[in-house]
Amino acid sequence: MADLWLEARRRLGRWEGPATGRPGTGRQVREYKSILRDHFILSSDVTDWEPTADEPAGLHHEGLGVLSFDRSSGGLVLRSNYSEGFIHEYRCRVLADGPRFVFEARQVEGGPPGMRARETIVLDGPDTLGSTFELAMPGVDFESYTFERLTRTAG
């Protein structure tokens, strides 16, 4: 129980780096902060995507989430809200090893019925984090949507 939460806390801090995926290329700033007497972790991210032929002004994405430890299931729960109007309730279904979390949302509020989402977060070292975000439509396997390679910053 405490080990899983301890692993989650290793991600605390500010992270920055390149983002790639379906929207193109961009840059993400992500932050994890301990809140409410260390019972929760507040996550926020901002990604600015460069202009493309389909999106000449580029895209601006924001996300805000709260991570908690669910004592009844012994797992992590991440409730995330996104600027595009989607809300996901992720459950950490796999902790393959200490630095790797796989969060899966069985449904996406604001999306079409049956849409699912998955985010895999890997702490590659004390100051390097990789994040892969995937989406799946009904009856279809997950497909990669974005990938971020972030470095912990002092700010």
N, C-alpha and C. Protein backbone atom coordinates (compact mmCIF):
# COMPACT_ATOMS: atom_id res chain seq x y z
N MET A 1 0.83 -1.19 0.00
CA MET A 1 0.00 0.00 0.00
C MET A 1 0.87 1.24 0.00
N ALA A 2 1.70 1.41 1.01
CA ALA A 2 2.54 2.60 1.10
C ALA A 2 3.54 2.64 -0.05
N ASP A 3 4.00 1.48 -0.54
CA ASP A 3 4.97 1.48 -1.63
C ASP A 3 4.40 2.07 -2.90
N LEU A 4 3.14 1.75 -3.21
CA LEU A 4 2.52 2.29 -4.40
C LEU A 4 2.40 3.81 -4.31
N TRP A 5 1.98 4.31 -3.16
CA TRP A 5 1.87 5.76 -2.97
C TRP A 5 3.25 6.40 -3.00
N LEU A 6 4.24 5.74 -2.42
CA LEU A 6 5.61 6.25 -2.45
C LEU A 6 6.10 6.36 -3.90
N GLU A 7 5.80 5.35 -4.71
CA GLU A 7 6.18 5.41 -6.13
C GLU A 7 5.48 6.58 -6.83
N ALA A 8 4.21 6.80 -6.52
CA ALA A 8 3.49 7.93 -7.12
C ALA A 8 4.14 9.25 -6.73
N ARG A 9 4.55 9.36 -5.49
CA ARG A 9 5.17 10.61 -5.00
C ARG A 9 6.52 10.89 -5.65
N ARG A 10 7.17 9.89 -6.19
CA ARG A 10 8.45 10.10 -6.88
C ARG A 10 8.29 10.99 -8.11
N ARG A 11 7.05 11.16 -8.55
CA ARG A 11 6.78 12.00 -9.73
C ARG A 11 6.53 13.46 -9.37
N LEU A 12 6.51 13.78 -8.09
CA LEU A 12 6.26 15.16 -7.68
C LEU A 12 7.29 16.09 -8.31
N GLY A 13 6.83 17.25 -8.72
CA GLY A 13 7.72 18.25 -9.30
C GLY A 13 7.21 18.75 -10.63
N ARG A 14 8.04 19.56 -11.26
CA ARG A 14 7.71 20.17 -12.55
C ARG A 14 8.53 19.46 -13.63
N TRP A 15 7.88 19.15 -14.73
CA TRP A 15 8.49 18.40 -15.84
C TRP A 15 8.22 19.14 -17.14
N GLU A 16 9.19 19.15 -18.05
CA GLU A 16 9.03 19.81 -19.34
C GLU A 16 9.70 19.00 -20.43
N GLY A 17 9.14 19.10 -21.65
CA GLY A 17 9.80 18.44 -22.76
C GLY A 17 8.94 18.35 -23.99
N PRO A 18 9.49 17.68 -25.03
CA PRO A 18 8.79 17.59 -26.31
C PRO A 18 7.61 16.62 -26.25
N ALA A 19 6.61 16.94 -27.09
CA ALA A 19 5.43 16.09 -27.26
C ALA A 19 5.30 15.79 -28.75
N THR A 20 4.93 14.56 -29.06
CA THR A 20 4.69 14.16 -30.45
C THR A 20 3.41 13.34 -30.49
N GLY A 21 2.85 13.21 -31.68
CA GLY A 21 1.64 12.39 -31.81
C GLY A 21 0.74 12.89 -32.91
N ARG A 22 -0.52 12.49 -32.83
CA ARG A 22 -1.49 12.86 -33.88
C ARG A 22 -1.61 14.36 -34.08
N PRO A 23 -1.56 15.18 -33.01
CA PRO A 23 -1.64 16.63 -33.25
C PRO A 23 -0.38 17.20 -33.91
N GLY A 24 0.70 16.42 -33.99
CA GLY A 24 1.95 16.90 -34.58
C GLY A 24 3.08 16.91 -33.58
N THR A 25 3.77 18.05 -33.48
CA THR A 25 4.84 18.20 -32.50
C THR A 25 4.54 19.41 -31.63
N GLY A 26 4.98 19.31 -30.40
CA GLY A 26 4.72 20.41 -29.47
C GLY A 26 5.61 20.32 -28.25
N ARG A 27 5.22 21.04 -27.24
CA ARG A 27 5.99 21.09 -26.00
C ARG A 27 5.00 21.03 -24.83
N GLN A 28 5.34 20.21 -23.83
CA GLN A 28 4.48 20.05 -22.67
C GLN A 28 5.20 20.48 -21.40
N VAL A 29 4.43 21.09 -20.50
CA VAL A 29 4.85 21.37 -19.13
C VAL A 29 3.86 20.64 -18.24
N ARG A 30 4.36 19.81 -17.35
CA ARG A 30 3.52 19.01 -16.46
C ARG A 30 4.00 19.22 -15.03
N GLU A 31 3.06 19.22 -14.09
CA GLU A 31 3.44 19.37 -12.68
C GLU A 31 2.60 18.45 -11.82
N TYR A 32 3.26 17.85 -10.83
CA TYR A 32 2.61 17.02 -9.82
C TYR A 32 2.91 17.65 -8.47
N LYS A 33 1.84 17.97 -7.71
CA LYS A 33 1.99 18.60 -6.40
C LYS A 33 1.20 17.83 -5.35
N SER A 34 1.79 17.65 -4.18
CA SER A 34 1.10 17.05 -3.05
C SER A 34 0.10 18.06 -2.49
N ILE A 35 -1.14 17.60 -2.23
CA ILE A 35 -2.16 18.50 -1.67
C ILE A 35 -2.93 17.79 -0.56
N LEU A 36 -3.65 18.58 0.22
CA LEU A 36 -4.54 18.08 1.27
C LEU A 36 -3.84 17.07 2.18
N ARG A 37 -2.79 17.55 2.83
CA ARG A 37 -2.00 16.77 3.80
C ARG A 37 -1.46 15.47 3.21
N ASP A 38 -1.04 15.54 1.95
CA ASP A 38 -0.40 14.43 1.26
C ASP A 38 -1.36 13.25 0.99
N HIS A 39 -2.67 13.51 1.03
CA HIS A 39 -3.62 12.44 0.70
C HIS A 39 -3.88 12.37 -0.80
N PHE A 40 -3.54 13.44 -1.53
CA PHE A 40 -3.79 13.52 -2.96
C PHE A 40 -2.60 14.16 -3.66
N ILE A 41 -2.53 13.90 -4.96
CA ILE A 41 -1.54 14.57 -5.81
C ILE A 41 -2.31 15.28 -6.91
N LEU A 42 -2.10 16.58 -7.03
CA LEU A 42 -2.71 17.39 -8.07
C LEU A 42 -1.78 17.37 -9.29
N SER A 43 -2.32 16.99 -10.43
CA SER A 43 -1.53 16.99 -11.65
C SER A 43 -2.09 18.03 -12.61
N SER A 44 -1.20 18.71 -13.29
CA SER A 44 -1.62 19.65 -14.31
C SER A 44 -0.65 19.54 -15.48
N ASP A 45 -1.19 19.75 -16.68
CA ASP A 45 -0.31 19.75 -17.85
C ASP A 45 -0.85 20.73 -18.88
N VAL A 46 0.08 21.33 -19.59
CA VAL A 46 -0.23 22.25 -20.69
C VAL A 46 0.65 21.82 -21.86
N THR A 47 0.01 21.60 -23.00
CA THR A 47 0.76 21.25 -24.22
C THR A 47 0.38 22.23 -25.30
N ASP A 48 1.38 22.84 -25.91
CA ASP A 48 1.18 23.72 -27.05
C ASP A 48 1.71 23.01 -28.28
N TRP A 49 0.77 22.74 -29.22
CA TRP A 49 1.10 22.03 -30.45
C TRP A 49 1.37 23.04 -31.56
N GLU A 50 2.41 22.78 -32.33
CA GLU A 50 2.78 23.67 -33.43
C GLU A 50 1.72 23.67 -34.53
N PRO A 51 1.64 24.76 -35.29
CA PRO A 51 0.67 24.82 -36.39
C PRO A 51 0.92 23.70 -37.42
N THR A 52 -0.19 23.22 -37.99
CA THR A 52 -0.15 22.22 -39.06
C THR A 52 -1.10 22.68 -40.16
N ALA A 53 -1.14 21.94 -41.26
CA ALA A 53 -2.07 22.29 -42.35
C ALA A 53 -3.52 22.21 -41.85
N ASP A 54 -3.82 21.22 -41.00
CA ASP A 54 -5.18 21.06 -40.47
C ASP A 54 -5.49 22.06 -39.36
N GLU A 55 -4.47 22.49 -38.64
CA GLU A 55 -4.63 23.43 -37.51
C GLU A 55 -3.62 24.57 -37.67
N PRO A 56 -3.89 25.53 -38.58
CA PRO A 56 -2.91 26.59 -38.86
C PRO A 56 -2.56 27.45 -37.65
N ALA A 57 -3.41 27.52 -36.66
CA ALA A 57 -3.11 28.31 -35.45
C ALA A 57 -2.44 27.45 -34.37
N GLY A 58 -2.27 26.15 -34.64
CA GLY A 58 -1.76 25.25 -33.61
C GLY A 58 -2.87 24.90 -32.64
N LEU A 59 -2.54 24.08 -31.68
CA LEU A 59 -3.52 23.67 -30.66
C LEU A 59 -2.96 23.93 -29.28
N HIS A 60 -3.84 24.24 -28.36
CA HIS A 60 -3.47 24.44 -26.96
C HIS A 60 -4.30 23.46 -26.13
N HIS A 61 -3.63 22.60 -25.37
CA HIS A 61 -4.29 21.58 -24.54
C HIS A 61 -3.94 21.83 -23.08
N GLU A 62 -4.94 21.66 -22.21
CA GLU A 62 -4.71 21.72 -20.76
C GLU A 62 -5.40 20.55 -20.10
N GLY A 63 -4.76 20.02 -19.08
CA GLY A 63 -5.34 18.94 -18.29
C GLY A 63 -5.15 19.20 -16.81
N LEU A 64 -6.12 18.76 -16.01
CA LEU A 64 -6.05 18.91 -14.57
C LEU A 64 -6.59 17.64 -13.95
N GLY A 65 -5.81 17.03 -13.03
CA GLY A 65 -6.23 15.77 -12.45
C GLY A 65 -5.91 15.68 -10.97
N VAL A 66 -6.56 14.72 -10.32
CA VAL A 66 -6.29 14.43 -8.91
C VAL A 66 -6.03 12.94 -8.80
N LEU A 67 -4.88 12.60 -8.25
CA LEU A 67 -4.47 11.22 -8.03
C LEU A 67 -4.67 10.86 -6.58
N SER A 68 -5.22 9.67 -6.33
CA SER A 68 -5.43 9.23 -4.95
C SER A 68 -5.15 7.74 -4.85
N PHE A 69 -5.00 7.29 -3.61
CA PHE A 69 -4.83 5.86 -3.34
C PHE A 69 -6.15 5.34 -2.80
N ASP A 70 -6.72 4.33 -3.47
CA ASP A 70 -7.99 3.73 -3.06
C ASP A 70 -7.69 2.54 -2.16
N ARG A 71 -7.92 2.71 -0.87
CA ARG A 71 -7.61 1.64 0.09
C ARG A 71 -8.43 0.38 -0.16
N SER A 72 -9.67 0.54 -0.63
CA SER A 72 -10.52 -0.64 -0.82
C SER A 72 -10.01 -1.54 -1.94
N SER A 73 -9.44 -0.95 -3.00
CA SER A 73 -8.93 -1.76 -4.11
C SER A 73 -7.41 -1.95 -4.03
N GLY A 74 -6.75 -1.13 -3.21
CA GLY A 74 -5.30 -1.20 -3.13
C GLY A 74 -4.61 -0.60 -4.35
N GLY A 75 -5.33 0.20 -5.12
CA GLY A 75 -4.75 0.78 -6.33
C GLY A 75 -4.86 2.28 -6.38
N LEU A 76 -4.32 2.84 -7.43
CA LEU A 76 -4.37 4.28 -7.64
C LEU A 76 -5.55 4.64 -8.53
N VAL A 77 -6.13 5.82 -8.28
CA VAL A 77 -7.21 6.35 -9.10
C VAL A 77 -6.80 7.75 -9.54
N LEU A 78 -6.94 8.03 -10.82
CA LEU A 78 -6.64 9.35 -11.37
C LEU A 78 -7.89 9.88 -12.04
N ARG A 79 -8.40 11.00 -11.53
CA ARG A 79 -9.57 11.65 -12.13
C ARG A 79 -9.07 12.89 -12.87
N SER A 80 -9.22 12.87 -14.20
CA SER A 80 -8.66 13.94 -15.03
C SER A 80 -9.72 14.66 -15.83
N ASN A 81 -9.55 15.97 -15.95
CA ASN A 81 -10.42 16.84 -16.73
C ASN A 81 -9.56 17.53 -17.79
N TYR A 82 -10.09 17.62 -19.01
CA TYR A 82 -9.32 18.16 -20.11
C TYR A 82 -10.03 19.34 -20.77
N SER A 83 -9.25 20.26 -21.31
CA SER A 83 -9.79 21.48 -21.91
C SER A 83 -10.67 21.20 -23.12
N GLU A 84 -10.56 20.01 -23.70
CA GLU A 84 -11.41 19.65 -24.83
C GLU A 84 -12.80 19.20 -24.37
N GLY A 85 -13.03 19.17 -23.04
CA GLY A 85 -14.34 18.81 -22.51
C GLY A 85 -14.48 17.36 -22.08
N PHE A 86 -13.39 16.60 -22.09
CA PHE A 86 -13.44 15.20 -21.68
C PHE A 86 -13.10 15.05 -20.20
N ILE A 87 -13.69 14.04 -19.59
CA ILE A 87 -13.36 13.68 -18.21
C ILE A 87 -13.08 12.18 -18.19
N HIS A 88 -11.96 11.81 -17.58
CA HIS A 88 -11.59 10.39 -17.47
C HIS A 88 -11.42 10.02 -16.01
N GLU A 89 -11.89 8.85 -15.63
CA GLU A 89 -11.55 8.28 -14.33
C GLU A 89 -10.72 7.04 -14.61
N TYR A 90 -9.42 7.21 -14.37
CA TYR A 90 -8.48 6.13 -14.64
C TYR A 90 -8.26 5.28 -13.39
N ARG A 91 -8.07 4.01 -13.60
CA ARG A 91 -7.63 3.10 -12.54
C ARG A 91 -6.27 2.57 -12.96
N CYS A 92 -5.37 2.50 -11.99
CA CYS A 92 -4.05 1.95 -12.27
C CYS A 92 -4.20 0.44 -12.25
N ARG A 93 -4.25 -0.17 -13.44
CA ARG A 93 -4.50 -1.60 -13.52
C ARG A 93 -3.23 -2.43 -13.43
N VAL A 94 -2.08 -1.82 -13.71
CA VAL A 94 -0.82 -2.57 -13.67
C VAL A 94 0.27 -1.69 -13.07
N LEU A 95 0.99 -2.24 -12.14
CA LEU A 95 2.24 -1.63 -11.70
C LEU A 95 3.30 -2.68 -12.01
N ALA A 96 3.78 -2.64 -13.25
CA ALA A 96 4.68 -3.68 -13.72
C ALA A 96 5.96 -3.72 -12.91
N ASP A 97 6.45 -2.56 -12.58
CA ASP A 97 7.62 -2.44 -11.73
C ASP A 97 7.55 -1.05 -11.11
N GLY A 98 8.45 -0.72 -10.24
CA GLY A 98 8.38 0.54 -9.52
C GLY A 98 8.18 1.77 -10.37
N PRO A 99 8.88 1.93 -11.49
CA PRO A 99 8.76 3.19 -12.21
C PRO A 99 7.66 3.24 -13.27
N ARG A 100 6.81 2.21 -13.39
CA ARG A 100 5.85 2.16 -14.50
C ARG A 100 4.42 2.03 -13.99
N PHE A 101 3.56 2.99 -14.38
CA PHE A 101 2.13 2.95 -14.07
C PHE A 101 1.35 2.88 -15.37
N VAL A 102 0.29 2.07 -15.41
CA VAL A 102 -0.63 2.04 -16.54
C VAL A 102 -2.01 2.36 -16.00
N PHE A 103 -2.54 3.51 -16.43
CA PHE A 103 -3.87 3.96 -16.01
C PHE A 103 -4.83 3.74 -17.17
N GLU A 104 -6.01 3.15 -16.88
CA GLU A 104 -6.98 2.92 -17.94
C GLU A 104 -8.35 3.44 -17.52
N ALA A 105 -8.98 4.19 -18.44
CA ALA A 105 -10.34 4.68 -18.25
C ALA A 105 -11.25 3.82 -19.12
N ARG A 106 -12.20 3.16 -18.50
CA ARG A 106 -13.10 2.27 -19.25
C ARG A 106 -14.15 3.04 -20.05
N GLN A 107 -14.37 4.28 -19.70
CA GLN A 107 -15.25 5.14 -20.49
C GLN A 107 -14.75 6.57 -20.39
N VAL A 108 -15.11 7.36 -21.38
CA VAL A 108 -14.66 8.74 -21.45
C VAL A 108 -15.90 9.63 -21.46
N GLU A 109 -16.08 10.37 -20.37
CA GLU A 109 -17.20 11.30 -20.32
C GLU A 109 -16.95 12.42 -21.32
N GLY A 110 -17.96 12.71 -22.14
CA GLY A 110 -17.82 13.73 -23.17
C GLY A 110 -17.41 13.15 -24.51
N GLY A 111 -17.08 11.86 -24.53
CA GLY A 111 -16.71 11.19 -25.77
C GLY A 111 -17.84 10.30 -26.24
N PRO A 112 -17.68 9.67 -27.40
CA PRO A 112 -18.73 8.78 -27.89
C PRO A 112 -18.87 7.56 -26.97
N PRO A 113 -20.06 6.96 -26.90
CA PRO A 113 -20.25 5.77 -26.06
C PRO A 113 -19.23 4.68 -26.39
N GLY A 114 -18.63 4.12 -25.36
CA GLY A 114 -17.65 3.05 -25.53
C GLY A 114 -16.22 3.49 -25.75
N MET A 115 -15.98 4.79 -25.87
CA MET A 115 -14.61 5.30 -26.04
C MET A 115 -13.83 5.04 -24.76
N ARG A 116 -12.57 4.61 -24.89
CA ARG A 116 -11.71 4.33 -23.74
C ARG A 116 -10.39 5.09 -23.90
N ALA A 117 -9.68 5.26 -22.77
CA ALA A 117 -8.39 5.96 -22.80
C ALA A 117 -7.42 5.23 -21.88
N ARG A 118 -6.14 5.34 -22.21
CA ARG A 118 -5.10 4.72 -21.38
C ARG A 118 -3.87 5.63 -21.40
N GLU A 119 -3.26 5.79 -20.22
CA GLU A 119 -2.01 6.54 -20.13
C GLU A 119 -1.00 5.69 -19.37
N THR A 120 0.17 5.55 -19.97
CA THR A 120 1.27 4.83 -19.35
C THR A 120 2.34 5.85 -19.00
N ILE A 121 2.73 5.87 -17.73
CA ILE A 121 3.73 6.82 -17.25
C ILE A 121 4.91 6.02 -16.73
N VAL A 122 6.09 6.30 -17.27
CA VAL A 122 7.30 5.58 -16.90
C VAL A 122 8.33 6.58 -16.38
N LEU A 123 8.80 6.35 -15.19
CA LEU A 123 9.89 7.15 -14.62
C LEU A 123 11.18 6.43 -14.98
N ASP A 124 11.88 6.95 -16.01
CA ASP A 124 13.07 6.29 -16.54
C ASP A 124 14.31 6.50 -15.69
N GLY A 125 14.25 7.45 -14.80
CA GLY A 125 15.35 7.79 -13.91
C GLY A 125 14.83 8.84 -12.97
N PRO A 126 15.65 9.36 -12.10
CA PRO A 126 15.14 10.33 -11.14
C PRO A 126 14.60 11.61 -11.79
N ASP A 127 15.07 11.92 -13.01
CA ASP A 127 14.69 13.18 -13.64
C ASP A 127 14.19 13.05 -15.07
N THR A 128 13.76 11.85 -15.48
CA THR A 128 13.26 11.62 -16.83
C THR A 128 11.96 10.82 -16.77
N LEU A 129 10.93 11.35 -17.44
CA LEU A 129 9.61 10.73 -17.41
C LEU A 129 9.09 10.60 -18.83
N GLY A 130 8.56 9.43 -19.16
CA GLY A 130 7.91 9.22 -20.45
C GLY A 130 6.43 8.99 -20.23
N SER A 131 5.60 9.53 -21.11
CA SER A 131 4.15 9.36 -20.99
C SER A 131 3.58 9.05 -22.37
N THR A 132 2.82 7.96 -22.46
CA THR A 132 2.15 7.58 -23.69
C THR A 132 0.65 7.61 -23.44
N PHE A 133 -0.09 8.37 -24.25
CA PHE A 133 -1.54 8.47 -24.14
C PHE A 133 -2.15 7.76 -25.35
N GLU A 134 -3.11 6.86 -25.07
CA GLU A 134 -3.74 6.07 -26.13
C GLU A 134 -5.26 6.20 -26.04
N LEU A 135 -5.92 6.07 -27.18
CA LEU A 135 -7.38 6.08 -27.25
C LEU A 135 -7.87 4.84 -27.98
N ALA A 136 -9.09 4.40 -27.64
CA ALA A 136 -9.72 3.27 -28.33
C ALA A 136 -11.20 3.57 -28.51
N MET A 137 -11.66 3.38 -29.71
CA MET A 137 -13.09 3.50 -30.00
C MET A 137 -13.72 2.13 -29.79
N PRO A 138 -15.04 2.05 -29.68
CA PRO A 138 -15.70 0.77 -29.45
C PRO A 138 -15.28 -0.29 -30.47
N GLY A 139 -14.91 -1.47 -29.95
CA GLY A 139 -14.55 -2.58 -30.81
C GLY A 139 -13.19 -2.50 -31.45
N VAL A 140 -12.40 -1.48 -31.09
CA VAL A 140 -11.09 -1.28 -31.69
C VAL A 140 -10.04 -1.26 -30.58
N ASP A 141 -8.85 -1.78 -30.87
CA ASP A 141 -7.77 -1.76 -29.89
C ASP A 141 -7.25 -0.34 -29.69
N PHE A 142 -6.50 -0.16 -28.60
CA PHE A 142 -5.89 1.14 -28.31
C PHE A 142 -4.90 1.52 -29.41
N GLU A 143 -4.90 2.83 -29.73
CA GLU A 143 -3.93 3.38 -30.67
C GLU A 143 -3.25 4.56 -30.00
N SER A 144 -1.95 4.68 -30.21
CA SER A 144 -1.19 5.78 -29.63
C SER A 144 -1.70 7.12 -30.15
N TYR A 145 -1.87 8.07 -29.24
CA TYR A 145 -2.32 9.41 -29.63
C TYR A 145 -1.21 10.43 -29.41
N THR A 146 -0.57 10.40 -28.21
CA THR A 146 0.55 11.32 -27.96
C THR A 146 1.62 10.61 -27.14
N PHE A 147 2.82 11.16 -27.23
CA PHE A 147 3.94 10.69 -26.41
C PHE A 147 4.74 11.91 -25.97
N GLU A 148 5.07 11.95 -24.69
CA GLU A 148 5.89 13.03 -24.13
C GLU A 148 7.14 12.44 -23.50
N ARG A 149 8.25 13.13 -23.67
CA ARG A 149 9.52 12.78 -23.03
C ARG A 149 9.91 13.98 -22.21
N LEU A 150 9.71 13.90 -20.89
CA LEU A 150 9.86 15.06 -20.03
C LEU A 150 11.06 14.94 -19.09
N THR A 151 11.61 16.08 -18.76
CA THR A 151 12.74 16.17 -17.84
C THR A 151 12.31 17.03 -16.64
N ARG A 152 12.69 16.59 -15.45
CA ARG A 152 12.38 17.37 -14.24
C ARG A 152 13.13 18.68 -14.30
N THR A 153 12.45 19.76 -13.95
CA THR A 153 13.09 21.09 -13.95
C THR A 153 13.15 21.63 -12.52
N ALA A 154 13.96 22.62 -12.33
CA ALA A 154 14.12 23.20 -11.00
C ALA A 154 12.93 24.06 -10.60
N GLY A 155 12.21 24.62 -11.59
CA GLY A 155 11.12 25.54 -11.33
C GLY A 155 9.94 24.86 -10.86
